[in-house]
Amino acid sequence: MRAVTAWSPAVSAPAFPFPRSRVKKLILVLVPVVAVLAVAGFFLFKKSPKPQYKTVKIERGSIVSTVSATGTINAVVNVQVGTQVSGTIAKLYVDFNSPVRKGQAIAQIDPALFISAVEQARGNHLNALANVGKAKVVLADAKRTLGRNQKLLEQGIVSQSDLDVAQTAYDTAVAGLSSAEAQVLQTKGALRQAETNLTYSTIRSPVDGIIVSRAVDVGQTVAASFQTPTLFTIAQDLTKMQIETSVDESDISRVRLGQSANFTVDAYPELQFTGTVSQIRNAPVVTQNVVTYVTVISVDNRDLKLKPGMTANVSIVTQKKDGVLKIPSAALRFKPKADKDEKGKKTEGAAVKPSAAKAAAAGKSGAPQPMKPIQHVYQLTPEGTPRAVSVETGISDSKFVEMANGELKEGDEVVVEQVTTGKKAMGSPMGPRF
C-alpha cells in the first residue's frame, strides 16, 4: 500500500513593506516634531486671555449741579411767651396746637395777691391826695397870718419877731404842700405798678399763631426773677416755614440767594418739596474743626404737611445745563491696569500728556489763560486696547459730568470698567471646585 501523507501548507511571516532601517529613521524624525508641537501648544494655551472692557455711550441731556446739606424745619417766627410776675397758674385757656389771636388770654395766674396790692396802692394814693388838701389849708392860713402881721407891723402893733414867725410858718406850709404833691405822684406810680402787675397776671398771646409748646399746668408755681420762664411757644405762621442747613465751607462759594432747593423728609419719603435760598449767614459754625455756614431755605407749607423739628435732606441747585454732552463719572475714575507682555514689560493705553493739552488751550499767542478742568477718559482702539483722550469738564452731578470741550462726540463709547485683568486665572490652592 502507498502511504498517504497529509498536506500541510508552509506557514511564512508576511513580508514588511519597509526595511527596518527606514522605520528607525522615520521614528527619529517624528519624535522631535511631536515634541516641538507639544511645547508650542503648551505655551499657546498658557498665554493670558486678552483683557475685556465695559463701555458706555456718551449721551446728550441735562446736568444739574447741587450742594447737599441737612437741616431742621422751623417756623419763620417762633415767639416764646413768658410771665413778668410770679404766682400760681389758676387757669389755662389753650393747649397744644390751639390757634390763638393777638391779645387773646391763654393763661391766668392767681390774681388775689395782685388785687390786694392794687387796693393798698389805691388807698395810699387817696391818703396822699388828702394830705395835699390839708397842706393847702395850712398854706392858706399861714398866708393870711403873714399878710395880717405885715399890716400890723406897719402900724406898730406887732414886733418884727412876730412877723418873722409868720413868715416861717408860711414857708413851711409851702414846703409841706410840695411834699404832699410829691407823695401823690409816688403813690400814683405805685398804684399804676400794682394795676400793671394785675394785668400781667392774665397772660395773653402777643401774635397770631398756633401753640406748639406748653410748659405749665394748672397749679404750677412760676417765678419771674432774673430770667423770665417760658410758658408757651407760639409759631406765628405754619404756612411759611424755613430750613436752617449747615453748608460746608468747600461748597458755600457756589450757593447764592434765590437759588432753588429740593428736599425730602422722613415722614414723606415719596414726596419731594421745593424751597428757595433766602439767607446765607456769614457767622461760621465750627464743630470738631469742621467749618460750616448756616444757609436758610424758605419753604411754602400751605398744606401743613411739614411740622417744626423735622429733619430735611436738602439739595441746593447751584447750576443747571440742558443739551450738553454727558460723560459717566465712572469713565473719569477709570484707569487701565498695567499688564505684562511676553518680555515682562508693562503695557497700557497711551495717554495724552496734560502739558500738551494745556499748551493747546493757552492759544497760539502763548498768553496765560484761565484753564478749565482737564481730565482723561479712555476709548478702545480697533485692537481692543484703551487709549487715553483728553477732555475739558464742566459741572457735574452724582452720575454724569459735562464735557465742555474735547474730541469725543455723542454716541462715542468710553471705558468705565475693566472686566478682566489679562492675567490667567489661578487655581484655588484647595484644588478644583466641584
Protein backbone atom coordinates (compact mmCIF):
# COMPACT_ATOMS: atom_id res chain seq x y z
CA MET A 1 0.00 0.00 0.00
CA ARG A 2 1.02 3.55 -0.65
CA ALA A 3 1.46 5.62 2.38
CA VAL A 4 -0.80 8.66 2.41
CA THR A 5 0.82 11.72 3.83
CA ALA A 6 -1.25 14.76 4.96
CA TRP A 7 -0.52 18.04 3.20
CA SER A 8 0.14 20.99 5.35
CA PRO A 9 0.92 24.38 3.79
CA ALA A 10 4.06 26.19 4.90
CA VAL A 11 3.40 28.97 7.31
CA SER A 12 5.52 32.03 6.49
CA ALA A 13 5.57 35.53 8.08
CA PRO A 14 4.19 38.38 5.90
CA ALA A 15 6.79 40.49 4.31
CA PHE A 16 7.19 44.08 5.89
CA PRO A 17 6.78 46.75 3.23
CA PHE A 18 9.64 48.92 4.57
CA PRO A 19 13.01 47.91 5.72
CA ARG A 20 13.70 48.18 9.41
CA SER A 21 16.36 50.82 8.82
CA ARG A 22 13.83 53.19 7.22
CA VAL A 23 11.40 52.74 10.14
CA LYS A 24 14.06 53.72 12.60
CA LYS A 25 14.85 56.85 10.57
CA LEU A 26 11.10 57.77 10.45
CA ILE A 27 10.77 57.43 14.21
CA LEU A 28 13.81 59.61 14.77
CA VAL A 29 12.20 62.35 12.63
CA LEU A 30 8.67 62.21 14.14
CA VAL A 31 9.70 62.30 17.79
CA PRO A 32 11.29 65.83 17.66
CA VAL A 33 8.38 67.16 15.60
CA VAL A 34 5.85 65.91 18.13
CA ALA A 35 7.92 67.38 20.97
CA VAL A 36 8.08 70.79 19.27
CA LEU A 37 4.32 70.76 18.66
CA ALA A 38 3.67 69.85 22.29
CA VAL A 39 5.87 72.68 23.58
CA ALA A 40 4.27 75.19 21.20
CA GLY A 41 0.80 74.08 22.24
CA PHE A 42 1.72 74.41 25.90
CA PHE A 43 2.90 77.99 25.52
CA LEU A 44 -0.02 78.80 23.24
CA PHE A 45 -2.62 77.72 25.77
CA LYS A 46 -0.63 79.23 28.64
CA LYS A 47 -0.88 82.73 27.12
CA SER A 48 -3.11 85.06 29.16
CA PRO A 49 -6.52 85.94 27.74
CA LYS A 50 -6.95 89.38 26.26
CA PRO A 51 -8.42 91.98 28.71
CA GLN A 52 -12.09 92.81 28.28
CA TYR A 53 -13.60 96.26 28.98
CA LYS A 54 -17.09 97.56 29.67
CA THR A 55 -18.03 100.69 27.72
CA VAL A 56 -20.86 103.23 27.89
CA LYS A 57 -22.02 105.64 25.21
CA ILE A 58 -21.75 109.40 25.66
CA GLU A 59 -25.25 110.93 25.80
CA ARG A 60 -26.68 114.40 25.41
CA GLY A 61 -29.01 115.71 28.10
CA SER A 62 -29.36 117.84 31.21
CA ILE A 63 -26.98 118.06 34.17
CA VAL A 64 -27.95 119.61 37.48
CA SER A 65 -25.15 120.54 39.86
CA THR A 66 -26.24 120.51 43.52
CA VAL A 67 -24.90 121.07 47.01
CA SER A 68 -26.15 118.64 49.63
CA ALA A 69 -26.90 119.65 53.20
CA THR A 70 -29.00 118.62 56.18
CA GLY A 71 -31.14 120.92 58.30
CA THR A 72 -34.12 121.27 60.60
CA ILE A 73 -37.51 122.68 59.64
CA ASN A 74 -38.79 125.50 61.85
CA ALA A 75 -41.43 128.20 61.73
CA VAL A 76 -40.23 131.54 60.40
CA VAL A 77 -41.22 133.28 63.68
CA ASN A 78 -41.32 131.42 66.99
CA VAL A 79 -42.47 133.55 69.94
CA GLN A 80 -41.66 132.36 73.45
CA VAL A 81 -44.30 133.62 75.85
CA GLY A 82 -43.32 134.02 79.50
CA THR A 83 -44.54 135.85 82.56
CA GLN A 84 -43.38 139.06 84.21
CA VAL A 85 -44.99 138.26 87.56
CA SER A 86 -44.71 135.31 89.91
CA GLY A 87 -47.61 133.24 91.12
CA THR A 88 -49.62 130.07 90.72
CA ILE A 89 -51.26 129.12 87.44
CA ALA A 90 -55.00 129.25 88.10
CA LYS A 91 -56.41 128.71 84.61
CA LEU A 92 -55.24 127.54 81.17
CA TYR A 93 -57.31 128.64 78.20
CA VAL A 94 -55.29 126.90 75.43
CA ASP A 95 -53.49 123.64 74.80
CA PHE A 96 -51.09 122.21 72.23
CA ASN A 97 -51.99 123.08 68.61
CA SER A 98 -54.58 125.65 69.72
CA PRO A 99 -54.92 128.58 67.29
CA VAL A 100 -54.69 131.94 69.04
CA ARG A 101 -55.20 135.57 68.12
CA LYS A 102 -53.17 138.54 69.20
CA GLY A 103 -54.30 139.73 72.66
CA GLN A 104 -56.19 136.52 73.45
CA ALA A 105 -55.93 135.27 77.05
CA ILE A 106 -54.05 131.97 77.14
CA ALA A 107 -53.42 131.55 80.90
CA GLN A 108 -54.33 133.14 84.24
CA ILE A 109 -52.11 133.49 87.29
CA ASP A 110 -53.97 133.63 90.61
CA PRO A 111 -54.81 137.38 90.87
CA ALA A 112 -55.71 137.54 94.60
CA LEU A 113 -52.38 138.96 95.74
CA PHE A 114 -52.31 141.43 92.87
CA ILE A 115 -55.85 142.66 93.63
CA SER A 116 -54.82 143.27 97.24
CA ALA A 117 -51.76 145.16 96.11
CA VAL A 118 -53.91 147.36 93.87
CA GLU A 119 -56.31 148.16 96.71
CA GLN A 120 -53.45 149.01 99.04
CA ALA A 121 -51.80 151.23 96.43
CA ARG A 122 -55.09 152.96 95.73
CA GLY A 123 -55.61 153.65 99.45
CA ASN A 124 -52.14 155.15 99.73
CA HIS A 125 -52.86 157.32 96.73
CA LEU A 126 -56.13 158.60 98.21
CA ASN A 127 -54.37 159.36 101.50
CA ALA A 128 -51.74 161.32 99.61
CA LEU A 129 -54.45 163.33 97.89
CA ALA A 130 -55.99 164.12 101.27
CA ASN A 131 -52.63 165.25 102.57
CA VAL A 132 -52.38 167.61 99.61
CA GLY A 133 -55.73 169.19 100.60
CA LYS A 134 -54.60 169.53 104.22
CA ALA A 135 -51.33 171.14 103.10
CA LYS A 136 -53.25 173.63 101.00
CA VAL A 137 -55.38 174.61 104.03
CA VAL A 138 -52.30 175.09 106.20
CA LEU A 139 -50.66 177.14 103.47
CA ALA A 140 -53.73 179.39 103.13
CA ASP A 141 -53.84 180.02 106.88
CA ALA A 142 -50.13 180.80 107.01
CA LYS A 143 -50.51 183.19 104.10
CA ARG A 144 -53.34 185.10 105.82
CA THR A 145 -51.36 185.31 109.07
CA LEU A 146 -48.32 186.63 107.27
CA GLY A 147 -50.31 189.31 105.47
CA ARG A 148 -52.04 190.46 108.65
CA ASN A 149 -48.76 190.71 110.57
CA GLN A 150 -47.21 192.76 107.78
CA LYS A 151 -50.01 195.38 108.14
CA LEU A 152 -49.82 195.34 111.95
CA LEU A 153 -46.07 195.83 111.79
CA GLU A 154 -46.57 198.96 109.68
CA GLN A 155 -48.96 200.28 112.35
CA GLY A 156 -46.50 199.40 115.12
CA ILE A 157 -48.88 196.99 116.81
CA VAL A 158 -46.69 193.84 116.45
CA SER A 159 -42.96 193.43 116.63
CA GLN A 160 -40.58 192.24 113.91
CA SER A 161 -40.23 188.88 115.62
CA ASP A 162 -43.92 188.23 115.25
CA LEU A 163 -43.63 188.90 111.53
CA ASP A 164 -40.67 186.53 111.25
CA VAL A 165 -42.64 183.76 112.93
CA ALA A 166 -45.50 184.25 110.47
CA GLN A 167 -43.05 184.18 107.54
CA THR A 168 -41.54 180.92 108.76
CA ALA A 169 -44.94 179.32 109.11
CA TYR A 170 -45.81 180.36 105.58
CA ASP A 171 -42.61 178.93 104.11
CA THR A 172 -43.16 175.68 105.99
CA ALA A 173 -46.67 175.43 104.62
CA VAL A 174 -45.38 175.90 101.06
CA ALA A 175 -42.83 173.09 101.57
CA GLY A 176 -45.49 170.88 103.12
CA LEU A 177 -47.71 171.31 100.07
CA SER A 178 -44.86 170.38 97.73
CA SER A 179 -44.13 167.26 99.81
CA ALA A 180 -47.78 166.24 99.74
CA GLU A 181 -47.96 166.66 95.98
CA ALA A 182 -44.80 164.54 95.59
CA GLN A 183 -46.37 161.89 97.77
CA VAL A 184 -49.35 161.91 95.43
CA LEU A 185 -47.07 161.21 92.44
CA GLN A 186 -45.31 158.44 94.31
CA THR A 187 -48.49 156.68 95.34
CA LYS A 188 -49.88 157.17 91.87
CA GLY A 189 -46.88 155.32 90.42
CA ALA A 190 -47.26 152.51 92.96
CA LEU A 191 -50.92 152.22 92.07
CA ARG A 192 -50.11 152.04 88.37
CA GLN A 193 -47.48 149.34 89.01
CA ALA A 194 -49.94 147.30 91.04
CA GLU A 195 -52.55 147.61 88.31
CA THR A 196 -49.97 146.59 85.69
CA ASN A 197 -48.99 143.51 87.68
CA LEU A 198 -52.64 142.64 87.95
CA THR A 199 -52.91 142.96 84.19
CA TYR A 200 -49.81 140.77 83.73
CA SER A 201 -51.45 138.06 85.80
CA THR A 202 -53.53 137.38 82.71
CA ILE A 203 -51.08 136.01 80.09
CA ARG A 204 -52.09 136.97 76.54
CA SER A 205 -50.81 135.96 73.12
CA PRO A 206 -48.55 138.62 71.56
CA VAL A 207 -49.12 137.38 67.97
CA ASP A 208 -51.50 135.41 65.81
CA GLY A 209 -50.39 131.81 65.55
CA ILE A 210 -50.57 128.27 66.88
CA ILE A 211 -49.46 126.95 70.26
CA VAL A 212 -46.64 124.48 69.55
CA SER A 213 -45.38 124.11 73.12
CA ARG A 214 -46.90 124.38 76.61
CA ALA A 215 -44.59 124.10 79.62
CA VAL A 216 -47.01 124.66 82.56
CA ASP A 217 -50.10 123.09 84.09
CA VAL A 218 -52.80 124.37 86.43
CA GLY A 219 -51.50 124.67 89.98
CA GLN A 220 -47.89 125.07 88.96
CA THR A 221 -46.00 127.97 90.52
CA VAL A 222 -43.93 130.17 88.22
CA ALA A 223 -41.29 132.59 89.42
CA ALA A 224 -40.26 135.64 87.40
CA SER A 225 -36.79 136.55 88.62
CA PHE A 226 -33.72 137.40 86.58
CA GLN A 227 -34.78 135.13 83.70
CA THR A 228 -38.36 135.06 82.53
CA PRO A 229 -39.66 131.48 82.37
CA THR A 230 -41.04 130.28 79.04
CA LEU A 231 -44.61 129.09 79.44
CA PHE A 232 -45.72 128.79 75.81
CA THR A 233 -44.12 128.74 72.37
CA ILE A 234 -46.24 130.16 69.57
CA ALA A 235 -45.48 129.63 65.88
CA GLN A 236 -46.66 132.77 64.19
CA ASP A 237 -47.48 131.20 60.79
CA LEU A 238 -47.01 127.50 60.00
CA THR A 239 -47.89 128.02 56.34
CA LYS A 240 -44.44 129.58 55.91
CA MET A 241 -41.53 127.52 57.17
CA GLN A 242 -37.77 127.69 56.90
CA ILE A 243 -34.92 125.18 56.95
CA GLU A 244 -31.65 126.07 58.67
CA THR A 245 -29.00 123.98 56.91
CA SER A 246 -25.26 123.71 57.51
CA VAL A 247 -23.27 124.04 54.26
CA ASP A 248 -19.62 123.02 54.23
CA GLU A 249 -17.06 125.74 53.62
CA SER A 250 -15.88 124.00 50.42
CA ASP A 251 -19.38 124.34 48.90
CA ILE A 252 -20.53 127.71 50.27
CA SER A 253 -18.96 129.62 47.35
CA ARG A 254 -21.45 128.00 44.94
CA VAL A 255 -24.53 128.91 46.97
CA ARG A 256 -26.36 132.14 46.05
CA LEU A 257 -29.50 133.90 47.24
CA GLY A 258 -32.57 132.96 45.23
CA GLN A 259 -31.33 129.52 44.19
CA SER A 260 -33.92 126.77 44.25
CA ALA A 261 -33.62 123.80 46.58
CA ASN A 262 -35.21 120.37 46.70
CA PHE A 263 -35.55 118.41 49.90
CA THR A 264 -37.16 115.34 51.41
CA VAL A 265 -38.26 114.45 54.92
CA ASP A 266 -38.51 111.06 56.57
CA ALA A 267 -42.24 111.50 57.15
CA TYR A 268 -42.93 111.64 53.39
CA PRO A 269 -40.10 109.71 51.68
CA GLU A 270 -42.05 109.51 48.42
CA LEU A 271 -42.55 113.30 48.16
CA GLN A 272 -40.07 115.97 47.13
CA PHE A 273 -40.55 119.51 48.40
CA THR A 274 -39.10 122.73 46.99
CA GLY A 275 -37.80 125.92 48.55
CA THR A 276 -35.62 128.96 47.89
CA VAL A 277 -32.36 130.14 49.46
CA SER A 278 -33.35 133.24 51.43
CA GLN A 279 -30.33 133.86 53.68
CA ILE A 280 -26.64 132.93 53.88
CA ARG A 281 -25.24 133.80 57.29
CA ASN A 282 -21.63 134.93 57.49
CA ALA A 283 -21.05 133.70 61.04
CA PRO A 284 -19.02 130.44 60.85
CA VAL A 285 -20.06 127.41 62.88
CA VAL A 286 -17.10 125.26 63.94
CA THR A 287 -17.85 121.70 65.02
CA GLN A 288 -14.88 119.39 65.63
CA ASN A 289 -12.66 121.59 63.43
CA VAL A 290 -15.22 121.45 60.59
CA VAL A 291 -16.36 124.89 59.41
CA THR A 292 -19.91 125.27 58.12
CA TYR A 293 -22.21 128.20 57.37
CA VAL A 294 -25.91 128.38 58.14
CA THR A 295 -28.00 128.71 54.99
CA VAL A 296 -31.73 129.38 55.37
CA ILE A 297 -34.20 127.84 52.90
CA SER A 298 -37.69 129.39 52.74
CA VAL A 299 -40.48 126.86 52.23
CA ASP A 300 -44.17 127.22 51.37
CA ASN A 301 -46.22 124.97 53.69
CA ARG A 302 -49.78 125.74 52.68
CA ASP A 303 -50.90 122.12 53.05
CA LEU A 304 -49.33 122.00 56.57
CA LYS A 305 -47.59 118.69 55.87
CA LEU A 306 -44.29 119.94 57.25
CA LYS A 307 -44.01 120.25 61.01
CA PRO A 308 -41.45 122.08 63.16
CA GLY A 309 -38.44 119.97 64.08
CA MET A 310 -38.47 117.67 61.04
CA THR A 311 -35.10 116.77 59.55
CA ALA A 312 -34.72 117.74 55.89
CA ASN A 313 -32.20 116.36 53.40
CA VAL A 314 -31.62 119.35 51.12
CA SER A 315 -30.11 119.60 47.64
CA ILE A 316 -29.44 123.19 46.59
CA VAL A 317 -29.44 123.57 42.80
CA THR A 318 -26.35 125.67 42.07
CA GLN A 319 -26.29 125.28 38.28
CA LYS A 320 -28.26 123.53 35.52
CA LYS A 321 -27.42 122.99 31.85
CA ASP A 322 -29.58 121.41 29.15
CA GLY A 323 -28.49 119.68 25.96
CA VAL A 324 -24.85 119.07 26.95
CA LEU A 325 -22.69 116.01 26.39
CA LYS A 326 -22.66 113.83 29.50
CA ILE A 327 -19.71 111.63 30.39
CA PRO A 328 -20.31 108.97 33.06
CA SER A 329 -18.42 109.76 36.23
CA ALA A 330 -17.10 106.19 36.25
CA ALA A 331 -15.30 106.87 32.96
CA LEU A 332 -13.29 109.68 34.58
CA ARG A 333 -12.38 107.44 37.51
CA PHE A 334 -11.28 104.53 35.29
CA LYS A 335 -7.56 103.82 34.89
CA PRO A 336 -6.42 100.73 32.92
CA LYS A 337 -4.49 98.20 34.92
CA ALA A 338 -0.93 97.65 33.71
CA ASP A 339 -0.35 94.27 32.01
CA LYS A 340 2.88 92.50 31.17
CA ASP A 341 3.76 91.19 27.73
CA GLU A 342 5.98 88.25 26.83
CA LYS A 343 9.10 90.28 27.59
CA GLY A 344 7.87 91.31 31.04
CA LYS A 345 7.26 94.96 30.13
CA LYS A 346 4.16 96.78 31.37
CA THR A 347 1.70 97.81 28.66
CA GLU A 348 -1.25 100.21 28.90
CA GLY A 349 -3.13 102.74 26.81
CA ALA A 350 -1.21 105.72 25.53
CA ALA A 351 -2.36 108.79 27.46
CA VAL A 352 -2.33 112.35 26.16
CA LYS A 353 0.08 114.39 28.25
CA PRO A 354 -1.63 117.15 30.25
CA SER A 355 1.15 119.55 29.31
CA ALA A 356 0.22 119.25 25.64
CA ALA A 357 -3.44 119.89 26.40
CA LYS A 358 -2.58 122.96 28.48
CA ALA A 359 -0.36 124.31 25.73
CA ALA A 360 -3.14 123.89 23.17
CA ALA A 361 -5.63 125.60 25.47
CA ALA A 362 -3.29 128.53 26.08
CA GLY A 363 -3.57 129.52 22.41
CA LYS A 364 -1.05 130.39 19.75
CA SER A 365 -0.08 133.64 21.40
CA GLY A 366 1.20 131.79 24.45
CA ALA A 367 -0.54 134.23 26.80
CA PRO A 368 -1.71 132.65 30.06
CA GLN A 369 -5.44 131.99 30.10
CA PRO A 370 -7.73 130.57 32.79
CA MET A 371 -7.80 126.79 32.48
CA LYS A 372 -10.84 124.60 32.69
CA PRO A 373 -10.52 121.24 34.46
CA ILE A 374 -8.78 118.79 32.09
CA GLN A 375 -9.21 115.08 32.69
CA HIS A 376 -8.79 111.87 30.75
CA VAL A 377 -11.15 109.16 29.59
CA TYR A 378 -10.31 106.00 27.66
CA GLN A 379 -11.57 104.70 24.32
CA LEU A 380 -10.95 101.28 22.82
CA THR A 381 -8.77 101.13 19.72
CA PRO A 382 -9.58 98.70 16.86
CA GLU A 383 -7.11 96.30 18.51
CA GLY A 384 -9.19 96.43 21.73
CA THR A 385 -6.69 98.35 23.87
CA PRO A 386 -7.64 101.50 25.83
CA ARG A 387 -6.45 104.86 24.50
CA ALA A 388 -6.47 108.00 26.67
CA VAL A 389 -8.41 111.01 25.37
CA SER A 390 -8.16 114.46 27.00
CA VAL A 391 -11.43 116.29 27.72
CA GLU A 392 -12.39 119.55 29.43
CA THR A 393 -15.08 119.03 32.05
CA GLY A 394 -17.73 121.36 33.41
CA ILE A 395 -20.46 120.93 36.01
CA SER A 396 -21.30 117.51 37.41
CA ASP A 397 -23.90 115.63 39.35
CA SER A 398 -23.64 112.31 41.14
CA LYS A 399 -23.63 110.23 37.91
CA PHE A 400 -22.51 112.39 34.99
CA VAL A 401 -20.01 115.15 34.17
CA GLU A 402 -20.40 117.77 31.46
CA MET A 403 -17.89 117.60 28.61
CA ALA A 404 -17.20 121.25 27.83
CA ASN A 405 -14.64 120.56 25.11
CA GLY A 406 -12.88 117.59 23.59
CA GLU A 407 -12.59 115.21 20.65
CA LEU A 408 -15.46 112.99 21.72
CA LYS A 409 -18.96 113.31 20.32
CA GLU A 410 -22.42 111.98 21.08
CA GLY A 411 -22.59 108.21 20.68
CA ASP A 412 -18.87 107.58 21.27
CA GLU A 413 -18.15 104.82 23.75
CA VAL A 414 -15.82 105.29 26.70
CA VAL A 415 -14.45 102.67 29.05
CA VAL A 416 -15.96 102.58 32.53
CA GLU A 417 -14.70 99.24 33.84
CA GLN A 418 -12.08 96.57 33.12
CA VAL A 419 -13.84 93.22 33.26
CA THR A 420 -10.68 91.02 33.14
CA THR A 421 -7.12 91.95 34.04
CA GLY A 422 -5.48 89.98 31.22
CA LYS A 423 -3.82 87.55 33.65
CA LYS A 424 -4.56 83.86 33.63
CA ALA A 425 -6.85 82.85 36.44
CA MET A 426 -5.02 80.87 39.09
CA GLY A 427 -6.50 77.72 40.53
CA SER A 428 -7.59 77.56 44.12
CA PRO A 429 -4.91 76.29 46.50
CA MET A 430 -7.54 73.89 47.84
CA GLY A 431 -7.87 72.20 44.44
CA PRO A 432 -10.54 72.36 41.72
CA ARG A 433 -14.10 73.25 42.62
CA PHE A 434 -16.79 70.60 42.12
